[in-house]
PDB file of N, CA and C in Angstrom:
ATOM      1  N   UNK A   1      -5.365 -20.288 -21.086  1.00  0.00           N
ATOM      2  CA  UNK A   1      -5.779 -18.994 -20.538  1.00  0.00           C
ATOM      3  C   UNK A   1      -5.642 -17.925 -21.623  1.00  0.00           C
ATOM      4  N   UNK A   2      -6.735 -17.293 -21.964  1.00  0.00           N
ATOM      5  CA  UNK A   2      -6.677 -16.252 -22.987  1.00  0.00           C
ATOM      6  C   UNK A   2      -6.114 -14.970 -22.387  1.00  0.00           C
ATOM      7  N   UNK A   3      -5.606 -14.121 -23.259  1.00  0.00           N
ATOM      8  CA  UNK A   3      -4.978 -12.896 -22.765  1.00  0.00           C
ATOM      9  C   UNK A   3      -5.994 -11.978 -22.094  1.00  0.00           C
ATOM     10  N   UNK A   4      -7.256 -12.044 -22.513  1.00  0.00           N
ATOM     11  CA  UNK A   4      -8.239 -11.149 -21.909  1.00  0.00           C
ATOM     12  C   UNK A   4      -8.486 -11.520 -20.454  1.00  0.00           C
ATOM     13  N   UNK A   5      -8.518 -12.814 -20.119  1.00  0.00           N
ATOM     14  CA  UNK A   5      -8.747 -13.176 -18.718  1.00  0.00           C
ATOM     15  C   UNK A   5      -7.523 -12.852 -17.876  1.00  0.00           C
ATOM     16  N   UNK A   6      -6.343 -12.916 -18.468  1.00  0.00           N
ATOM     17  CA  UNK A   6      -5.127 -12.556 -17.735  1.00  0.00           C
ATOM     18  C   UNK A   6      -5.135 -11.076 -17.391  1.00  0.00           C
ATOM     19  N   UNK A   7      -5.680 -10.273 -18.293  1.00  0.00           N
ATOM     20  CA  UNK A   7      -5.677  -8.823 -18.101  1.00  0.00           C
ATOM     21  C   UNK A   7      -6.609  -8.398 -16.960  1.00  0.00           C
ATOM     22  N   UNK A   8      -7.557  -9.277 -16.616  1.00  0.00           N
ATOM     23  CA  UNK A   8      -8.504  -8.912 -15.566  1.00  0.00           C
ATOM     24  C   UNK A   8      -7.881  -8.980 -14.179  1.00  0.00           C
ATOM     25  N   UNK A   9      -6.793  -9.707 -14.037  1.00  0.00           N
ATOM     26  CA  UNK A   9      -6.128  -9.846 -12.738  1.00  0.00           C
ATOM     27  C   UNK A   9      -4.872  -8.990 -12.705  1.00  0.00           C
ATOM     28  N   UNK A  10      -4.598  -8.436 -11.548  1.00  0.00           N
ATOM     29  CA  UNK A  10      -3.363  -7.674 -11.372  1.00  0.00           C
ATOM     30  C   UNK A  10      -2.652  -8.214 -10.140  1.00  0.00           C
ATOM     31  N   UNK A  11      -1.384  -7.880 -10.034  1.00  0.00           N
ATOM     32  CA  UNK A  11      -0.642  -8.205  -8.820  1.00  0.00           C
ATOM     33  C   UNK A  11       0.011  -6.927  -8.345  1.00  0.00           C
ATOM     34  N   UNK A  12      -0.003  -6.723  -7.033  1.00  0.00           N
ATOM     35  CA  UNK A  12       0.545  -5.483  -6.506  1.00  0.00           C
ATOM     36  C   UNK A  12       1.140  -5.681  -5.124  1.00  0.00           C
ATOM     37  N   UNK A  13       2.034  -4.770  -4.795  1.00  0.00           N
ATOM     38  CA  UNK A  13       2.552  -4.640  -3.438  1.00  0.00           C
ATOM     39  C   UNK A  13       2.164  -3.248  -2.961  1.00  0.00           C
ATOM     40  N   UNK A  14       2.073  -3.096  -1.655  1.00  0.00           N
ATOM     41  CA  UNK A  14       1.731  -1.755  -1.162  1.00  0.00           C
ATOM     42  C   UNK A  14       2.400  -1.498   0.170  1.00  0.00           C
ATOM     43  N   UNK A  15       2.417  -0.220   0.525  1.00  0.00           N
ATOM     44  CA  UNK A  15       2.839   0.217   1.851  1.00  0.00           C
ATOM     45  C   UNK A  15       1.658   0.987   2.416  1.00  0.00           C
ATOM     46  N   UNK A  16       1.191   0.553   3.576  1.00  0.00           N
ATOM     47  CA  UNK A  16       0.046   1.176   4.236  1.00  0.00           C
ATOM     48  C   UNK A  16       0.526   1.888   5.496  1.00  0.00           C
ATOM     49  N   UNK A  17       0.140   3.141   5.637  1.00  0.00           N
ATOM     50  CA  UNK A  17       0.355   3.844   6.894  1.00  0.00           C
ATOM     51  C   UNK A  17      -1.031   4.162   7.461  1.00  0.00           C
ATOM     52  N   UNK A  18      -1.310   3.605   8.622  1.00  0.00           N
ATOM     53  CA  UNK A  18      -2.601   3.855   9.259  1.00  0.00           C
ATOM     54  C   UNK A  18      -2.539   5.171  10.041  1.00  0.00           C
ATOM     55  N   UNK A  19      -3.726   5.730  10.285  1.00  0.00           N
ATOM     56  CA  UNK A  19      -3.813   6.987  11.035  1.00  0.00           C
ATOM     57  C   UNK A  19      -5.104   6.991  11.832  1.00  0.00           C
ATOM     58  N   UNK A  20      -5.343   8.067  12.547  1.00  0.00           N
ATOM     59  CA  UNK A  20      -6.489   8.101  13.461  1.00  0.00           C
ATOM     60  C   UNK A  20      -7.841   7.990  12.755  1.00  0.00           C
ATOM     61  N   UNK A  21      -7.857   8.186  11.433  1.00  0.00           N
ATOM     62  CA  UNK A  21      -9.098   8.007  10.680  1.00  0.00           C
ATOM     63  C   UNK A  21      -9.260   6.600  10.123  1.00  0.00           C
ATOM     64  N   UNK A  22      -8.285   5.730  10.363  1.00  0.00           N
ATOM     65  CA  UNK A  22      -8.343   4.367   9.825  1.00  0.00           C
ATOM     66  C   UNK A  22      -9.429   3.549  10.514  1.00  0.00           C
ATOM     67  N   UNK A  23      -9.979   2.632   9.752  1.00  0.00           N
ATOM     68  CA  UNK A  23     -11.054   1.782  10.262  1.00  0.00           C
ATOM     69  C   UNK A  23     -10.575   0.952  11.457  1.00  0.00           C
ATOM     70  N   UNK A  24      -9.405   0.336  11.327  1.00  0.00           N
ATOM     71  CA  UNK A  24      -8.835  -0.441  12.444  1.00  0.00           C
ATOM     72  C   UNK A  24      -7.547   0.234  12.884  1.00  0.00           C
ATOM     73  N   UNK A  25      -7.528   0.695  14.126  1.00  0.00           N
ATOM     74  CA  UNK A  25      -6.356   1.444  14.611  1.00  0.00           C
ATOM     75  C   UNK A  25      -5.364   0.543  15.338  1.00  0.00           C
ATOM     76  N   UNK A  26      -4.984  -0.534  14.694  1.00  0.00           N
ATOM     77  CA  UNK A  26      -3.961  -1.421  15.255  1.00  0.00           C
ATOM     78  C   UNK A  26      -3.265  -2.095  14.091  1.00  0.00           C
ATOM     79  N   UNK A  27      -2.025  -2.504  14.305  1.00  0.00           N
ATOM     80  CA  UNK A  27      -1.305  -3.232  13.265  1.00  0.00           C
ATOM     81  C   UNK A  27      -0.298  -4.150  13.930  1.00  0.00           C
ATOM     82  N   UNK A  28       0.365  -4.958  13.118  1.00  0.00           N
ATOM     83  CA  UNK A  28       1.359  -5.899  13.648  1.00  0.00           C
ATOM     84  C   UNK A  28       2.454  -5.165  14.414  1.00  0.00           C
ATOM     85  N   UNK A  29       2.764  -3.923  14.016  1.00  0.00           N
ATOM     86  CA  UNK A  29       3.838  -3.231  14.726  1.00  0.00           C
ATOM     87  C   UNK A  29       3.329  -2.277  15.806  1.00  0.00           C
ATOM     88  N   UNK A  30       2.023  -2.138  15.869  1.00  0.00           N
ATOM     89  CA  UNK A  30       1.403  -1.270  16.880  1.00  0.00           C
ATOM     90  C   UNK A  30       0.122  -1.959  17.361  1.00  0.00           C
ATOM     91  N   UNK A  31       0.272  -3.116  18.037  1.00  0.00           N
ATOM     92  CA  UNK A  31      -0.903  -3.931  18.372  1.00  0.00           C
ATOM     93  C   UNK A  31      -1.926  -3.222  19.260  1.00  0.00           C
ATOM     94  N   UNK A  32      -1.457  -2.305  20.088  1.00  0.00           N
ATOM     95  CA  UNK A  32      -2.375  -1.556  20.956  1.00  0.00           C
ATOM     96  C   UNK A  32      -2.950  -0.332  20.240  1.00  0.00           C
ATOM     97  N   UNK A  33      -2.338   0.023  19.118  1.00  0.00           N
ATOM     98  CA  UNK A  33      -2.836   1.149  18.337  1.00  0.00           C
ATOM     99  C   UNK A  33      -2.501   2.518  18.909  1.00  0.00           C
ATOM    100  N   UNK A  34      -1.543   2.578  19.835  1.00  0.00           N
ATOM    101  CA  UNK A  34      -1.213   3.872  20.455  1.00  0.00           C
ATOM    102  C   UNK A  34      -0.681   4.873  19.426  1.00  0.00           C
ATOM    103  N   UNK A  35       0.317   4.437  18.648  1.00  0.00           N
ATOM    104  CA  UNK A  35       0.924   5.344  17.666  1.00  0.00           C
ATOM    105  C   UNK A  35      -0.095   5.719  16.590  1.00  0.00           C
ATOM    106  N   UNK A  36      -0.848   4.731  16.124  1.00  0.00           N
ATOM    107  CA  UNK A  36      -1.824   4.980  15.050  1.00  0.00           C
ATOM    108  C   UNK A  36      -2.879   5.990  15.507  1.00  0.00           C
ATOM    109  N   UNK A  37      -3.363   5.829  16.731  1.00  0.00           N
ATOM    110  CA  UNK A  37      -4.399   6.739  17.241  1.00  0.00           C
ATOM    111  C   UNK A  37      -3.909   8.172  17.360  1.00  0.00           C
ATOM    112  N   UNK A  38      -2.583   8.333  17.466  1.00  0.00           N
ATOM    113  CA  UNK A  38      -2.005   9.677  17.591  1.00  0.00           C
ATOM    114  C   UNK A  38      -1.450  10.221  16.275  1.00  0.00           C
ATOM    115  N   UNK A  39      -1.646   9.473  15.189  1.00  0.00           N
ATOM    116  CA  UNK A  39      -1.124   9.888  13.887  1.00  0.00           C
ATOM    117  C   UNK A  39      -2.240  10.544  13.073  1.00  0.00           C
ATOM    118  N   UNK A  40      -2.030  11.776  12.682  1.00  0.00           N
ATOM    119  CA  UNK A  40      -3.021  12.440  11.825  1.00  0.00           C
ATOM    120  C   UNK A  40      -2.852  11.920  10.391  1.00  0.00           C
ATOM    121  N   UNK A  41      -3.875  12.120   9.579  1.00  0.00           N
ATOM    122  CA  UNK A  41      -3.750  11.737   8.175  1.00  0.00           C
ATOM    123  C   UNK A  41      -2.596  12.492   7.525  1.00  0.00           C
ATOM    124  N   UNK A  42      -2.478  13.785   7.829  1.00  0.00           N
ATOM    125  CA  UNK A  42      -1.403  14.592   7.241  1.00  0.00           C
ATOM    126  C   UNK A  42      -0.027  14.031   7.584  1.00  0.00           C
ATOM    127  N   UNK A  43       0.136  13.605   8.836  1.00  0.00           N
ATOM    128  CA  UNK A  43       1.423  13.037   9.263  1.00  0.00           C
ATOM    129  C   UNK A  43       1.692  11.726   8.525  1.00  0.00           C
ATOM    130  N   UNK A  44       0.647  10.916   8.356  1.00  0.00           N
ATOM    131  CA  UNK A  44       0.794   9.645   7.643  1.00  0.00           C
ATOM    132  C   UNK A  44       1.189   9.892   6.186  1.00  0.00           C
ATOM    133  N   UNK A  45       0.535  10.881   5.567  1.00  0.00           N
ATOM    134  CA  UNK A  45       0.848  11.231   4.177  1.00  0.00           C
ATOM    135  C   UNK A  45       2.285  11.739   4.065  1.00  0.00           C
ATOM    136  N   UNK A  46       2.704  12.577   4.995  1.00  0.00           N
ATOM    137  CA  UNK A  46       4.075  13.108   4.974  1.00  0.00           C
ATOM    138  C   UNK A  46       5.093  11.983   5.058  1.00  0.00           C
ATOM    139  N   UNK A  47       4.846  11.043   5.971  1.00  0.00           N
ATOM    140  CA  UNK A  47       5.766   9.906   6.116  1.00  0.00           C
ATOM    141  C   UNK A  47       5.820   9.092   4.825  1.00  0.00           C
ATOM    142  N   UNK A  48       4.648   8.846   4.258  1.00  0.00           N
ATOM    143  CA  UNK A  48       4.567   8.048   3.039  1.00  0.00           C
ATOM    144  C   UNK A  48       5.277   8.734   1.871  1.00  0.00           C
ATOM    145  N   UNK A  49       5.169  10.052   1.784  1.00  0.00           N
ATOM    146  CA  UNK A  49       5.828  10.797   0.698  1.00  0.00           C
ATOM    147  C   UNK A  49       7.349  10.670   0.793  1.00  0.00           C
ATOM    148  N   UNK A  50       7.869  10.725   2.019  1.00  0.00           N
ATOM    149  CA  UNK A  50       9.312  10.569   2.220  1.00  0.00           C
ATOM    150  C   UNK A  50       9.748   9.160   1.798  1.00  0.00           C
ATOM    151  N   UNK A  51       8.981   8.160   2.211  1.00  0.00           N
ATOM    152  CA  UNK A  51       9.298   6.775   1.852  1.00  0.00           C
ATOM    153  C   UNK A  51       9.236   6.588   0.339  1.00  0.00           C
ATOM    154  N   UNK A  52       8.209   7.182  -0.282  1.00  0.00           N
ATOM    155  CA  UNK A  52       8.055   7.068  -1.736  1.00  0.00           C
ATOM    156  C   UNK A  52       9.244   7.706  -2.459  1.00  0.00           C
ATOM    157  N   UNK A  53       9.667   8.882  -1.978  1.00  0.00           N
ATOM    158  CA  UNK A  53      10.823   9.561  -2.582  1.00  0.00           C
ATOM    159  C   UNK A  53      12.071   8.690  -2.506  1.00  0.00           C
ATOM    160  N   UNK A  54      12.265   8.025  -1.356  1.00  0.00           N
ATOM    161  CA  UNK A  54      13.427   7.149  -1.186  1.00  0.00           C
ATOM    162  C   UNK A  54      13.392   5.985  -2.175  1.00  0.00           C
ATOM    163  N   UNK A  55      12.196   5.453  -2.408  1.00  0.00           N
ATOM    164  CA  UNK A  55      12.058   4.324  -3.338  1.00  0.00           C
ATOM    165  C   UNK A  55      12.282   4.787  -4.774  1.00  0.00           C
ATOM    166  N   UNK A  56      11.608   5.875  -5.156  1.00  0.00           N
ATOM    167  CA  UNK A  56      11.682   6.378  -6.525  1.00  0.00           C
ATOM    168  C   UNK A  56      13.107   6.819  -6.877  1.00  0.00           C
ATOM    169  N   UNK A  57      13.801   7.395  -5.898  1.00  0.00           N
ATOM    170  CA  UNK A  57      15.175   7.868  -6.152  1.00  0.00           C
ATOM    171  C   UNK A  57      16.190   6.724  -6.132  1.00  0.00           C
ATOM    172  N   UNK A  58      15.748   5.543  -5.718  1.00  0.00           N
ATOM    173  CA  UNK A  58      16.655   4.398  -5.689  1.00  0.00           C
ATOM    174  C   UNK A  58      17.413   4.246  -4.386  1.00  0.00           C
ATOM    175  N   UNK A  59      17.123   5.113  -3.424  1.00  0.00           N
ATOM    176  CA  UNK A  59      17.796   5.037  -2.123  1.00  0.00           C
ATOM    177  C   UNK A  59      17.356   3.801  -1.336  1.00  0.00           C
ATOM    178  N   UNK A  60      16.134   3.364  -1.584  1.00  0.00           N
ATOM    179  CA  UNK A  60      15.585   2.228  -0.843  1.00  0.00           C
ATOM    180  C   UNK A  60      14.765   1.346  -1.775  1.00  0.00           C
ATOM    181  N   UNK A  61      14.661   0.070  -1.442  1.00  0.00           N
ATOM    182  CA  UNK A  61      13.854  -0.875  -2.224  1.00  0.00           C
ATOM    183  C   UNK A  61      12.440  -0.932  -1.638  1.00  0.00           C
ATOM    184  N   UNK A  62      11.464  -1.026  -2.528  1.00  0.00           N
ATOM    185  CA  UNK A  62      10.057  -1.034  -2.109  1.00  0.00           C
ATOM    186  C   UNK A  62       9.813  -2.098  -1.039  1.00  0.00           C
ATOM    187  N   UNK A  63      10.279  -3.314  -1.306  1.00  0.00           N
ATOM    188  CA  UNK A  63      10.038  -4.421  -0.378  1.00  0.00           C
ATOM    189  C   UNK A  63      10.652  -4.211   0.985  1.00  0.00           C
ATOM    190  N   UNK A  64      11.839  -3.606   1.018  1.00  0.00           N
ATOM    191  CA  UNK A  64      12.505  -3.341   2.307  1.00  0.00           C
ATOM    192  C   UNK A  64      11.728  -2.294   3.103  1.00  0.00           C
ATOM    193  N   UNK A  65      11.279  -1.261   2.405  1.00  0.00           N
ATOM    194  CA  UNK A  65      10.520  -0.196   3.060  1.00  0.00           C
ATOM    195  C   UNK A  65       9.192  -0.752   3.582  1.00  0.00           C
ATOM    196  N   UNK A  66       8.539  -1.562   2.752  1.00  0.00           N
ATOM    197  CA  UNK A  66       7.258  -2.157   3.159  1.00  0.00           C
ATOM    198  C   UNK A  66       7.432  -3.017   4.399  1.00  0.00           C
ATOM    199  N   UNK A  67       8.471  -3.843   4.413  1.00  0.00           N
ATOM    200  CA  UNK A  67       8.614  -4.758   5.542  1.00  0.00           C
ATOM    201  C   UNK A  67       8.938  -4.022   6.836  1.00  0.00           C
ATOM    202  N   UNK A  68       9.505  -2.839   6.725  1.00  0.00           N
ATOM    203  CA  UNK A  68       9.838  -2.071   7.922  1.00  0.00           C
ATOM    204  C   UNK A  68       8.705  -1.142   8.366  1.00  0.00           C
ATOM    205  N   UNK A  69       8.024  -0.515   7.415  1.00  0.00           N
ATOM    206  CA  UNK A  69       7.109   0.573   7.765  1.00  0.00           C
ATOM    207  C   UNK A  69       5.621   0.300   7.552  1.00  0.00           C
ATOM    208  N   UNK A  70       5.277  -0.665   6.687  1.00  0.00           N
ATOM    209  CA  UNK A  70       3.863  -0.841   6.370  1.00  0.00           C
ATOM    210  C   UNK A  70       3.079  -1.369   7.566  1.00  0.00           C
ATOM    211  N   UNK A  71       1.872  -0.817   7.760  1.00  0.00           N
ATOM    212  CA  UNK A  71       0.994  -1.278   8.837  1.00  0.00           C
ATOM    213  C   UNK A  71       0.143  -2.472   8.416  1.00  0.00           C
ATOM    214  N   UNK A  72       0.338  -2.961   7.213  1.00  0.00           N
ATOM    215  CA  UNK A  72      -0.410  -4.127   6.738  1.00  0.00           C
ATOM    216  C   UNK A  72       0.395  -5.393   7.038  1.00  0.00           C
ATOM    217  N   UNK A  73      -0.298  -6.496   7.296  1.00  0.00           N
ATOM    218  CA  UNK A  73       0.411  -7.752   7.565  1.00  0.00           C
ATOM    219  C   UNK A  73       1.188  -8.229   6.339  1.00  0.00           C
ATOM    220  N   UNK A  74       0.869  -7.678   5.159  1.00  0.00           N
ATOM    221  CA  UNK A  74       1.636  -8.020   3.950  1.00  0.00           C
ATOM    222  C   UNK A  74       3.081  -7.530   4.050  1.00  0.00           C
ATOM    223  N   UNK A  75       3.378  -6.712   5.057  1.00  0.00           N
ATOM    224  CA  UNK A  75       4.749  -6.238   5.278  1.00  0.00           C
ATOM    225  C   UNK A  75       5.724  -7.419   5.356  1.00  0.00           C
ATOM    226  N   UNK A  76       5.261  -8.516   5.939  1.00  0.00           N
ATOM    227  CA  UNK A  76       6.117  -9.695   6.100  1.00  0.00           C
ATOM    228  C   UNK A  76       6.510 -10.303   4.753  1.00  0.00           C
ATOM    229  N   UNK A  77       5.754  -9.938   3.708  1.00  0.00           N
ATOM    230  CA  UNK A  77       6.067 -10.403   2.346  1.00  0.00           C
ATOM    231  C   UNK A  77       6.571  -9.246   1.492  1.00  0.00           C
ATOM    232  N   UNK A  78       7.121  -8.229   2.130  1.00  0.00           N
ATOM    233  CA  UNK A  78       7.609  -7.062   1.392  1.00  0.00           C
ATOM    234  C   UNK A  78       6.495  -6.266   0.761  1.00  0.00           C
ATOM    235  N   UNK A  79       5.298  -6.382   1.339  1.00  0.00           N
ATOM    236  CA  UNK A  79       4.152  -5.617   0.840  1.00  0.00           C
ATOM    237  C   UNK A  79       3.332  -6.336  -0.215  1.00  0.00           C
ATOM    238  N   UNK A  80       3.755  -7.551  -0.598  1.00  0.00           N
ATOM    239  CA  UNK A  80       3.074  -8.261  -1.688  1.00  0.00           C
ATOM    240  C   UNK A  80       1.672  -8.701  -1.283  1.00  0.00           C
ATOM    241  N   UNK A  81       0.685  -8.308  -2.081  1.00  0.00           N
ATOM    242  CA  UNK A  81      -0.707  -8.702  -1.844  1.00  0.00           C
ATOM    243  C   UNK A  81      -1.124  -9.862  -2.724  1.00  0.00           C
ATOM    244  N   UNK A  82      -0.217 -10.300  -3.594  1.00  0.00           N
ATOM    245  CA  UNK A  82      -0.575 -11.372  -4.522  1.00  0.00           C
ATOM    246  C   UNK A  82      -1.453 -10.845  -5.651  1.00  0.00           C
ATOM    247  N   UNK A  83      -2.131 -11.763  -6.296  1.00  0.00           N
ATOM    248  CA  UNK A  83      -2.944 -11.440  -7.465  1.00  0.00           C
ATOM    249  C   UNK A  83      -4.386 -11.213  -7.044  1.00  0.00           C
ATOM    250  N   UNK A  84      -5.015 -10.220  -7.630  1.00  0.00           N
ATOM    251  CA  UNK A  84      -6.429  -9.999  -7.340  1.00  0.00           C
ATOM    252  C   UNK A  84      -7.142  -9.467  -8.570  1.00  0.00           C
ATOM    253  N   UNK A  85      -8.451  -9.632  -8.566  1.00  0.00           N
ATOM    254  CA  UNK A  85      -9.274  -9.143  -9.661  1.00  0.00           C
ATOM    255  C   UNK A  85     -10.132  -7.994  -9.194  1.00  0.00           C
ATOM    256  N   UNK A  86     -10.963  -7.507 -10.080  1.00  0.00           N
ATOM    257  CA  UNK A  86     -11.841  -6.393  -9.724  1.00  0.00           C
ATOM    258  C   UNK A  86     -12.850  -6.840  -8.662  1.00  0.00           C
ATOM    259  N   UNK A  87     -13.177  -5.919  -7.767  1.00  0.00           N
ATOM    260  CA  UNK A  87     -14.174  -6.221  -6.746  1.00  0.00           C
ATOM    261  C   UNK A  87     -13.607  -6.839  -5.484  1.00  0.00           C
ATOM    262  N   UNK A  88     -12.295  -7.080  -5.428  1.00  0.00           N
ATOM    263  CA  UNK A  88     -11.703  -7.723  -4.244  1.00  0.00           C
ATOM    264  C   UNK A  88     -11.082  -6.728  -3.268  1.00  0.00           C
ATOM    265  N   UNK A  89     -10.733  -5.566  -3.763  1.00  0.00           N
ATOM    266  CA  UNK A  89     -10.097  -4.552  -2.924  1.00  0.00           C
ATOM    267  C   UNK A  89     -11.030  -3.346  -2.802  1.00  0.00           C
ATOM    268  N   UNK A  90     -10.718  -2.461  -1.852  1.00  0.00           N
ATOM    269  CA  UNK A  90     -11.496  -1.226  -1.761  1.00  0.00           C
ATOM    270  C   UNK A  90     -11.330  -0.459  -3.080  1.00  0.00           C
ATOM    271  N   UNK A  91     -12.410   0.192  -3.496  1.00  0.00           N
ATOM    272  CA  UNK A  91     -12.480   0.805  -4.827  1.00  0.00           C
ATOM    273  C   UNK A  91     -11.294   1.731  -5.158  1.00  0.00           C
ATOM    274  N   UNK A  92     -10.930   2.659  -4.276  1.00  0.00           N
ATOM    275  CA  UNK A  92      -9.814   3.555  -4.642  1.00  0.00           C
ATOM    276  C   UNK A  92      -8.509   2.782  -4.859  1.00  0.00           C
ATOM    277  N   UNK A  93      -8.328   1.726  -4.082  1.00  0.00           N
ATOM    278  CA  UNK A  93      -7.122   0.905  -4.195  1.00  0.00           C
ATOM    279  C   UNK A  93      -7.127   0.163  -5.529  1.00  0.00           C
ATOM    280  N   UNK A  94      -8.264  -0.428  -5.843  1.00  0.00           N
ATOM    281  CA  UNK A  94      -8.414  -1.151  -7.106  1.00  0.00           C
ATOM    282  C   UNK A  94      -8.177  -0.220  -8.298  1.00  0.00           C
ATOM    283  N   UNK A  95      -8.824   0.941  -8.274  1.00  0.00           N
ATOM    284  CA  UNK A  95      -8.703   1.864  -9.402  1.00  0.00           C
ATOM    285  C   UNK A  95      -7.265   2.326  -9.600  1.00  0.00           C
ATOM    286  N   UNK A  96      -6.587   2.605  -8.485  1.00  0.00           N
ATOM    287  CA  UNK A  96      -5.192   3.049  -8.574  1.00  0.00           C
ATOM    288  C   UNK A  96      -4.315   1.935  -9.162  1.00  0.00           C
ATOM    289  N   UNK A  97      -4.526   0.717  -8.700  1.00  0.00           N
ATOM    290  CA  UNK A  97      -3.696  -0.399  -9.169  1.00  0.00           C
ATOM    291  C   UNK A  97      -3.898  -0.653 -10.655  1.00  0.00           C
ATOM    292  N   UNK A  98      -5.154  -0.674 -11.091  1.00  0.00           N
ATOM    293  CA  UNK A  98      -5.438  -0.938 -12.505  1.00  0.00           C
ATOM    294  C   UNK A  98      -4.941   0.179 -13.422  1.00  0.00           C
ATOM    295  N   UNK A  99      -4.767   1.373 -12.874  1.00  0.00           N
ATOM    296  CA  UNK A  99      -4.307   2.483 -13.719  1.00  0.00           C
ATOM    297  C   UNK A  99      -2.782   2.520 -13.857  1.00  0.00           C
ATOM    298  N   UNK A 100      -2.096   1.728 -13.034  1.00  0.00           N
ATOM    299  CA  UNK A 100      -0.630   1.716 -13.099  1.00  0.00           C
ATOM    300  C   UNK A 100      -0.129   0.755 -14.163  1.00  0.00           C
ATOM    301  N   UNK A 101       1.055   1.047 -14.691  1.00  0.00           N
ATOM    302  CA  UNK A 101       1.753   0.066 -15.511  1.00  0.00           C
ATOM    303  C   UNK A 101       2.591  -0.791 -14.570  1.00  0.00           C
ATOM    304  N   UNK A 102       2.937  -1.993 -15.019  1.00  0.00           N
ATOM    305  CA  UNK A 102       3.767  -2.878 -14.200  1.00  0.00           C
ATOM    306  C   UNK A 102       5.091  -2.176 -13.879  1.00  0.00           C
ATOM    307  N   UNK A 103       5.447  -2.168 -12.590  1.00  0.00           N
ATOM    308  CA  UNK A 103       6.677  -1.530 -12.157  1.00  0.00           C
ATOM    309  C   UNK A 103       6.500  -0.094 -11.716  1.00  0.00           C
ATOM    310  N   UNK A 104       5.309   0.440 -11.974  1.00  0.00           N
ATOM    311  CA  UNK A 104       5.029   1.839 -11.633  1.00  0.00           C
ATOM    312  C   UNK A 104       4.513   1.930 -10.194  1.00  0.00           C
ATOM    313  N   UNK A 105       4.781   3.067  -9.553  1.00  0.00           N
ATOM    314  CA  UNK A 105       4.356   3.293  -8.171  1.00  0.00           C
ATOM    315  C   UNK A 105       3.346   4.431  -8.144  1.00  0.00           C
ATOM    316  N   UNK A 106       2.263   4.211  -7.426  1.00  0.00           N
ATOM    317  CA  UNK A 106       1.187   5.213  -7.353  1.00  0.00           C
ATOM    318  C   UNK A 106       1.597   6.401  -6.498  1.00  0.00           C
ATOM    319  N   UNK A 107       0.773   7.423  -6.579  1.00  0.00           N
ATOM    320  CA  UNK A 107       0.848   8.500  -5.602  1.00  0.00           C
ATOM    321  C   UNK A 107       0.142   8.026  -4.333  1.00  0.00           C
ATOM    322  N   UNK A 108      -0.247   8.965  -3.498  1.00  0.00           N
ATOM    323  CA  UNK A 108      -0.936   8.632  -2.251  1.00  0.00           C
ATOM    324  C   UNK A 108      -2.373   8.202  -2.559  1.00  0.00           C
ATOM    325  N   UNK A 109      -2.761   7.045  -2.034  1.00  0.00           N
ATOM    326  CA  UNK A 109      -4.115   6.534  -2.234  1.00  0.00           C
ATOM    327  C   UNK A 109      -4.784   6.403  -0.867  1.00  0.00           C
ATOM    328  N   UNK A 110      -5.949   7.023  -0.725  1.00  0.00           N
ATOM    329  CA  UNK A 110      -6.710   6.970   0.529  1.00  0.00           C
ATOM    330  C   UNK A 110      -7.743   5.857   0.491  1.00  0.00           C
ATOM    331  N   UNK A 111      -7.795   5.027   1.539  1.00  0.00           N
ATOM    332  CA  UNK A 111      -8.901   4.077   1.702  1.00  0.00           C
ATOM    333  C   UNK A 111      -9.337   4.121   3.164  1.00  0.00           C
ATOM    334  N   UNK A 112     -10.342   3.328   3.497  1.00  0.00           N
ATOM    335  CA  UNK A 112     -10.788   3.236   4.896  1.00  0.00           C
ATOM    336  C   UNK A 112      -9.686   2.675   5.797  1.00  0.00           C
ATOM    337  N   UNK A 113      -8.721   1.985   5.197  1.00  0.00           N
ATOM    338  CA  UNK A 113      -7.642   1.381   5.986  1.00  0.00           C
ATOM    339  C   UNK A 113      -6.572   2.394   6.377  1.00  0.00           C
ATOM    340  N   UNK A 114      -6.387   3.411   5.544  1.00  0.00           N
ATOM    341  CA  UNK A 114      -5.339   4.394   5.784  1.00  0.00           C
ATOM    342  C   UNK A 114      -4.858   4.963   4.464  1.00  0.00           C
ATOM    343  N   UNK A 115      -3.581   5.369   4.423  1.00  0.00           N
ATOM    344  CA  UNK A 115      -3.017   5.876   3.174  1.00  0.00           C
ATOM    345  C   UNK A 115      -1.986   4.877   2.662  1.00  0.00           C
ATOM    346  N   UNK A 116      -1.965   4.714   1.355  1.00  0.00           N
ATOM    347  CA  UNK A 116      -1.114   3.705   0.723  1.00  0.00           C
ATOM    348  C   UNK A 116      -0.295   4.316  -0.410  1.00  0.00           C
ATOM    349  N   UNK A 117       0.822   3.657  -0.727  1.00  0.00           N
ATOM    350  CA  UNK A 117       1.392   3.749  -2.064  1.00  0.00           C
ATOM    351  C   UNK A 117       1.410   2.326  -2.580  1.00  0.00           C
ATOM    352  N   UNK A 118       1.150   2.204  -3.859  1.00  0.00           N
ATOM    353  CA  UNK A 118       0.986   0.893  -4.485  1.00  0.00           C
ATOM    354  C   UNK A 118       1.992   0.741  -5.618  1.00  0.00           C
ATOM    355  N   UNK A 119       2.622  -0.426  -5.700  1.00  0.00           N
ATOM    356  CA  UNK A 119       3.457  -0.743  -6.848  1.00  0.00           C
ATOM    357  C   UNK A 119       2.829  -1.928  -7.560  1.00  0.00           C
ATOM    358  N   UNK A 120       2.494  -1.708  -8.814  1.00  0.00           N
ATOM    359  CA  UNK A 120       1.943  -2.828  -9.591  1.00  0.00           C
ATOM    360  C   UNK A 120       3.084  -3.729 -10.014  1.00  0.00           C
ATOM    361  N   UNK A 121       2.944  -5.020  -9.763  1.00  0.00           N
ATOM    362  CA  UNK A 121       4.020  -5.962 -10.051  1.00  0.00           C
ATOM    363  C   UNK A 121       3.619  -6.990 -11.106  1.00  0.00           C
ATOM    364  N   UNK A 122       2.349  -6.987 -11.499  1.00  0.00           N
ATOM    365  CA  UNK A 122       1.939  -7.945 -12.522  1.00  0.00           C
ATOM    366  C   UNK A 122       0.535  -7.667 -13.002  1.00  0.00           C
TER     367      UNK A 122
END
């Protein structure tokens, strides 16, 4: 495997908070979507910022926060999405991940799924 082909793939974990603008208003922790349907984007962003601050300050571990709060099924793996290449994720998510260094955590990223913070892990 040449280094150039390795560089095309990234690995990341994320925390997703869904809101009333999300494409699918249900998740493993809110199967009926009641809470999600009542969550504004601003409220989702506020929650995510608090969680991000806890992670960045060292108060909490990314994986623990993801498994408790993320609306993505990857929560069961501490937010790990595994390895992916270009064209596999929604564009804003892909662009944010590729712009991070390994170990770095993104700011708030908006997609059709909701709002995310992303940690590049590989």
